[in-house]
Amino acid sequence: MVATCIFCQLLDGQGPVEWLHRGDRASALLPRPQGRLAVGHTLVISNEHAVGVQDVSPDALSAAALLVQRISRALAAAIGAEGVNVLNASGPNSDQSVDHLHFHVVPRWAGDDLDTWPRGRSSHQPPDDWLDAVHAHLGT
């Protein structure tokens, strides 16, 4: 736990929160009403403090991913969500709002007028050998 992290504080029982699920390794909560993108919008967080997918333990990441699936199925059954967008930003320059691993599970319906898909493209120019470097780090 990190004392200055809002998600760690909520996991520690500090502050008002609407929990949908409290697990040993991952939990799910509703965002504050002003931050909800749709009815049922849920945040799935790792109970382990990690900034993002790059530094979280494999067990905590697995638990969070499995909870994303459970929440998605529950939203389909309970409120008829036809699909979900699962959104995550991890690390510096990713537009991450809270430096604690979390996934937004946003229910979707035909014609709901919500646009969560990026429309622009990065202007960053990688080195010519970027793909070889990725393969080298992956060991493939």
C-alpha atoms as a PDB file:
ATOM      1  CA  MET A   1       0.000   0.000   0.000  1.00  0.00           C
ATOM      2  CA  VAL A   2       1.105   3.523  -0.770  1.00  0.00           C
ATOM      3  CA  ALA A   3      -0.241   6.125   1.664  1.00  0.00           C
ATOM      4  CA  THR A   4      -0.698   8.815  -1.015  1.00  0.00           C
ATOM      5  CA  CYS A   5      -2.495   6.560  -3.535  1.00  0.00           C
ATOM      6  CA  ILE A   6      -6.285   7.038  -3.627  1.00  0.00           C
ATOM      7  CA  PHE A   7      -6.911   3.407  -4.640  1.00  0.00           C
ATOM      8  CA  CYS A   8      -4.647   2.119  -1.853  1.00  0.00           C
ATOM      9  CA  GLN A   9      -6.536   4.365   0.586  1.00  0.00           C
ATOM     10  CA  LEU A  10      -9.886   2.993  -0.591  1.00  0.00           C
ATOM     11  CA  LEU A  11      -8.614  -0.583  -0.306  1.00  0.00           C
ATOM     12  CA  ASP A  12      -7.553   0.297   3.260  1.00  0.00           C
ATOM     13  CA  GLY A  13     -11.076   1.466   4.134  1.00  0.00           C
ATOM     14  CA  GLN A  14     -10.382   5.183   3.903  1.00  0.00           C
ATOM     15  CA  GLY A  15     -13.023   7.202   2.079  1.00  0.00           C
ATOM     16  CA  PRO A  16     -16.412   6.566   0.539  1.00  0.00           C
ATOM     17  CA  VAL A  17     -16.578   3.950  -2.199  1.00  0.00           C
ATOM     18  CA  GLU A  18     -19.154   1.703  -3.849  1.00  0.00           C
ATOM     19  CA  TRP A  19     -17.490  -1.705  -4.103  1.00  0.00           C
ATOM     20  CA  LEU A  20     -18.888  -4.198  -6.587  1.00  0.00           C
ATOM     21  CA  HIS A  21     -16.362  -6.837  -5.584  1.00  0.00           C
ATOM     22  CA  ARG A  22     -13.583  -7.172  -2.998  1.00  0.00           C
ATOM     23  CA  GLY A  23     -11.163  -9.966  -3.708  1.00  0.00           C
ATOM     24  CA  ASP A  24      -7.816 -11.109  -2.362  1.00  0.00           C
ATOM     25  CA  ARG A  25      -5.839  -9.834  -5.369  1.00  0.00           C
ATOM     26  CA  ALA A  26      -8.211  -7.572  -7.333  1.00  0.00           C
ATOM     27  CA  SER A  27     -11.294  -5.501  -6.592  1.00  0.00           C
ATOM     28  CA  ALA A  28     -13.974  -3.609  -8.521  1.00  0.00           C
ATOM     29  CA  LEU A  29     -15.592  -0.282  -7.699  1.00  0.00           C
ATOM     30  CA  LEU A  30     -17.791   2.317  -9.279  1.00  0.00           C
ATOM     31  CA  PRO A  31     -16.111   5.586 -10.258  1.00  0.00           C
ATOM     32  CA  ARG A  32     -17.474   8.793  -8.796  1.00  0.00           C
ATOM     33  CA  PRO A  33     -20.752   9.720 -10.532  1.00  0.00           C
ATOM     34  CA  GLN A  34     -19.191  12.637 -12.448  1.00  0.00           C
ATOM     35  CA  GLY A  35     -16.565  10.281 -13.914  1.00  0.00           C
ATOM     36  CA  ARG A  36     -18.896   7.555 -15.159  1.00  0.00           C
ATOM     37  CA  LEU A  37     -18.924   7.161 -18.933  1.00  0.00           C
ATOM     38  CA  ALA A  38     -22.018   4.937 -18.902  1.00  0.00           C
ATOM     39  CA  VAL A  39     -24.352   3.187 -16.494  1.00  0.00           C
ATOM     40  CA  GLY A  40     -22.347   0.335 -15.010  1.00  0.00           C
ATOM     41  CA  HIS A  41     -18.910   1.847 -15.775  1.00  0.00           C
ATOM     42  CA  THR A  42     -16.641  -0.033 -13.372  1.00  0.00           C
ATOM     43  CA  LEU A  43     -13.014   0.278 -12.302  1.00  0.00           C
ATOM     44  CA  VAL A  44     -11.118  -2.963 -11.739  1.00  0.00           C
ATOM     45  CA  ILE A  45      -8.017  -2.419  -9.630  1.00  0.00           C
ATOM     46  CA  SER A  46      -5.159  -4.549  -8.456  1.00  0.00           C
ATOM     47  CA  ASN A  47      -5.035  -4.892  -4.676  1.00  0.00           C
ATOM     48  CA  GLU A  48      -1.259  -4.810  -5.064  1.00  0.00           C
ATOM     49  CA  HIS A  49       0.088  -1.311  -5.594  1.00  0.00           C
ATOM     50  CA  ALA A  50       1.705  -1.120  -9.005  1.00  0.00           C
ATOM     51  CA  VAL A  51       1.635   1.821 -11.384  1.00  0.00           C
ATOM     52  CA  GLY A  52       0.746  -0.153 -14.492  1.00  0.00           C
ATOM     53  CA  VAL A  53       1.000  -3.298 -16.550  1.00  0.00           C
ATOM     54  CA  GLN A  54       4.768  -2.864 -16.789  1.00  0.00           C
ATOM     55  CA  ASP A  55       5.472  -3.307 -13.060  1.00  0.00           C
ATOM     56  CA  VAL A  56       2.576  -5.335 -11.651  1.00  0.00           C
ATOM     57  CA  SER A  57       3.210  -8.932 -10.623  1.00  0.00           C
ATOM     58  CA  PRO A  58       1.923 -11.621 -12.995  1.00  0.00           C
ATOM     59  CA  ASP A  59      -0.460 -12.942 -10.298  1.00  0.00           C
ATOM     60  CA  ALA A  60      -2.005  -9.520  -9.664  1.00  0.00           C
ATOM     61  CA  LEU A  61      -2.343  -8.810 -13.382  1.00  0.00           C
ATOM     62  CA  SER A  62      -3.992 -12.181 -13.941  1.00  0.00           C
ATOM     63  CA  ALA A  63      -6.430 -11.576 -11.077  1.00  0.00           C
ATOM     64  CA  ALA A  64      -7.342  -8.156 -12.473  1.00  0.00           C
ATOM     65  CA  ALA A  65      -7.865  -9.526 -15.989  1.00  0.00           C
ATOM     66  CA  LEU A  66     -10.083 -12.332 -14.708  1.00  0.00           C
ATOM     67  CA  LEU A  67     -12.115  -9.827 -12.697  1.00  0.00           C
ATOM     68  CA  VAL A  68     -12.511  -7.660 -15.825  1.00  0.00           C
ATOM     69  CA  GLN A  69     -14.069 -10.717 -17.469  1.00  0.00           C
ATOM     70  CA  ARG A  70     -16.391 -11.398 -14.504  1.00  0.00           C
ATOM     71  CA  ILE A  71     -17.531  -7.767 -14.393  1.00  0.00           C
ATOM     72  CA  SER A  72     -18.113  -7.758 -18.165  1.00  0.00           C
ATOM     73  CA  ARG A  73     -20.300 -10.855 -17.916  1.00  0.00           C
ATOM     74  CA  ALA A  74     -22.204  -9.438 -14.948  1.00  0.00           C
ATOM     75  CA  LEU A  75     -22.892  -6.195 -16.848  1.00  0.00           C
ATOM     76  CA  ALA A  76     -24.207  -8.170 -19.810  1.00  0.00           C
ATOM     77  CA  ALA A  77     -26.524 -10.226 -17.616  1.00  0.00           C
ATOM     78  CA  ALA A  78     -27.664  -7.466 -15.256  1.00  0.00           C
ATOM     79  CA  ILE A  79     -28.097  -4.434 -17.538  1.00  0.00           C
ATOM     80  CA  GLY A  80     -27.999  -5.915 -21.032  1.00  0.00           C
ATOM     81  CA  ALA A  81     -24.622  -4.505 -22.053  1.00  0.00           C
ATOM     82  CA  GLU A  82     -24.011  -5.836 -25.552  1.00  0.00           C
ATOM     83  CA  GLY A  83     -20.281  -5.279 -25.290  1.00  0.00           C
ATOM     84  CA  VAL A  84     -17.641  -3.485 -23.258  1.00  0.00           C
ATOM     85  CA  ASN A  85     -14.630  -1.304 -23.851  1.00  0.00           C
ATOM     86  CA  VAL A  86     -11.760  -2.139 -21.523  1.00  0.00           C
ATOM     87  CA  LEU A  87      -9.516   0.887 -21.156  1.00  0.00           C
ATOM     88  CA  ASN A  88      -6.130   1.139 -19.460  1.00  0.00           C
ATOM     89  CA  ALA A  89      -3.346   3.692 -19.386  1.00  0.00           C
ATOM     90  CA  SER A  90      -0.061   2.617 -17.799  1.00  0.00           C
ATOM     91  CA  GLY A  91       2.927   4.757 -16.965  1.00  0.00           C
ATOM     92  CA  PRO A  92       4.275   8.184 -17.836  1.00  0.00           C
ATOM     93  CA  ASN A  93       2.878   9.952 -20.918  1.00  0.00           C
ATOM     94  CA  SER A  94      -0.061   7.528 -21.173  1.00  0.00           C
ATOM     95  CA  ASP A  95      -2.671   9.927 -19.736  1.00  0.00           C
ATOM     96  CA  GLN A  96      -2.986   7.679 -16.681  1.00  0.00           C
ATOM     97  CA  SER A  97      -5.191   9.499 -14.155  1.00  0.00           C
ATOM     98  CA  VAL A  98      -4.261   7.503 -11.028  1.00  0.00           C
ATOM     99  CA  ASP A  99      -0.817   5.933 -10.619  1.00  0.00           C
ATOM    100  CA  HIS A 100      -2.251   2.547  -9.601  1.00  0.00           C
ATOM    101  CA  LEU A 101      -3.049  -0.251 -12.040  1.00  0.00           C
ATOM    102  CA  HIS A 102      -6.702  -0.055 -13.039  1.00  0.00           C
ATOM    103  CA  PHE A 103      -8.942  -0.982 -15.926  1.00  0.00           C
ATOM    104  CA  HIS A 104     -12.109   0.855 -16.938  1.00  0.00           C
ATOM    105  CA  VAL A 105     -14.854  -1.569 -17.954  1.00  0.00           C
ATOM    106  CA  VAL A 106     -17.339   0.525 -19.920  1.00  0.00           C
ATOM    107  CA  PRO A 107     -20.616  -1.125 -20.974  1.00  0.00           C
ATOM    108  CA  ARG A 108     -21.685  -0.494 -24.558  1.00  0.00           C
ATOM    109  CA  TRP A 109     -24.926  -0.638 -26.534  1.00  0.00           C
ATOM    110  CA  ALA A 110     -25.762  -0.013 -30.178  1.00  0.00           C
ATOM    111  CA  GLY A 111     -26.281   3.698 -30.796  1.00  0.00           C
ATOM    112  CA  ASP A 112     -25.127   4.790 -27.308  1.00  0.00           C
ATOM    113  CA  ASP A 113     -23.170   7.736 -28.814  1.00  0.00           C
ATOM    114  CA  LEU A 114     -20.056   7.010 -26.741  1.00  0.00           C
ATOM    115  CA  ASP A 115     -16.726   7.147 -28.564  1.00  0.00           C
ATOM    116  CA  THR A 116     -13.854   5.583 -26.633  1.00  0.00           C
ATOM    117  CA  TRP A 117     -11.662   4.598 -29.565  1.00  0.00           C
ATOM    118  CA  PRO A 118      -8.594   6.758 -30.338  1.00  0.00           C
ATOM    119  CA  ARG A 119      -8.925   8.673 -33.590  1.00  0.00           C
ATOM    120  CA  GLY A 120      -5.463  10.203 -33.851  1.00  0.00           C
ATOM    121  CA  ARG A 121      -2.045   8.657 -34.402  1.00  0.00           C
ATOM    122  CA  SER A 122       1.220   9.219 -32.570  1.00  0.00           C
ATOM    123  CA  SER A 123       3.795  11.404 -34.275  1.00  0.00           C
ATOM    124  CA  HIS A 124       6.672   9.654 -32.445  1.00  0.00           C
ATOM    125  CA  GLN A 125       9.290   8.257 -34.821  1.00  0.00           C
ATOM    126  CA  PRO A 126      11.011   5.103 -33.469  1.00  0.00           C
ATOM    127  CA  PRO A 127      14.470   3.969 -34.560  1.00  0.00           C
ATOM    128  CA  ASP A 128      14.644   1.861 -37.720  1.00  0.00           C
ATOM    129  CA  ASP A 129      15.450  -1.305 -35.754  1.00  0.00           C
ATOM    130  CA  TRP A 130      12.594  -0.983 -33.250  1.00  0.00           C
ATOM    131  CA  LEU A 131      10.923  -4.257 -34.233  1.00  0.00           C
ATOM    132  CA  ASP A 132      14.176  -6.215 -33.897  1.00  0.00           C
ATOM    133  CA  ALA A 133      14.679  -4.656 -30.453  1.00  0.00           C
ATOM    134  CA  VAL A 134      11.192  -5.724 -29.331  1.00  0.00           C
ATOM    135  CA  HIS A 135      11.839  -9.280 -30.545  1.00  0.00           C
ATOM    136  CA  ALA A 136      15.156  -9.300 -28.659  1.00  0.00           C
ATOM    137  CA  HIS A 137      13.458  -8.241 -25.417  1.00  0.00           C
ATOM    138  CA  LEU A 138      10.768 -10.872 -25.883  1.00  0.00           C
ATOM    139  CA  GLY A 139      13.308 -13.556 -26.688  1.00  0.00           C
ATOM    140  CA  THR A 140      11.641 -14.417 -29.996  1.00  0.00           C
END
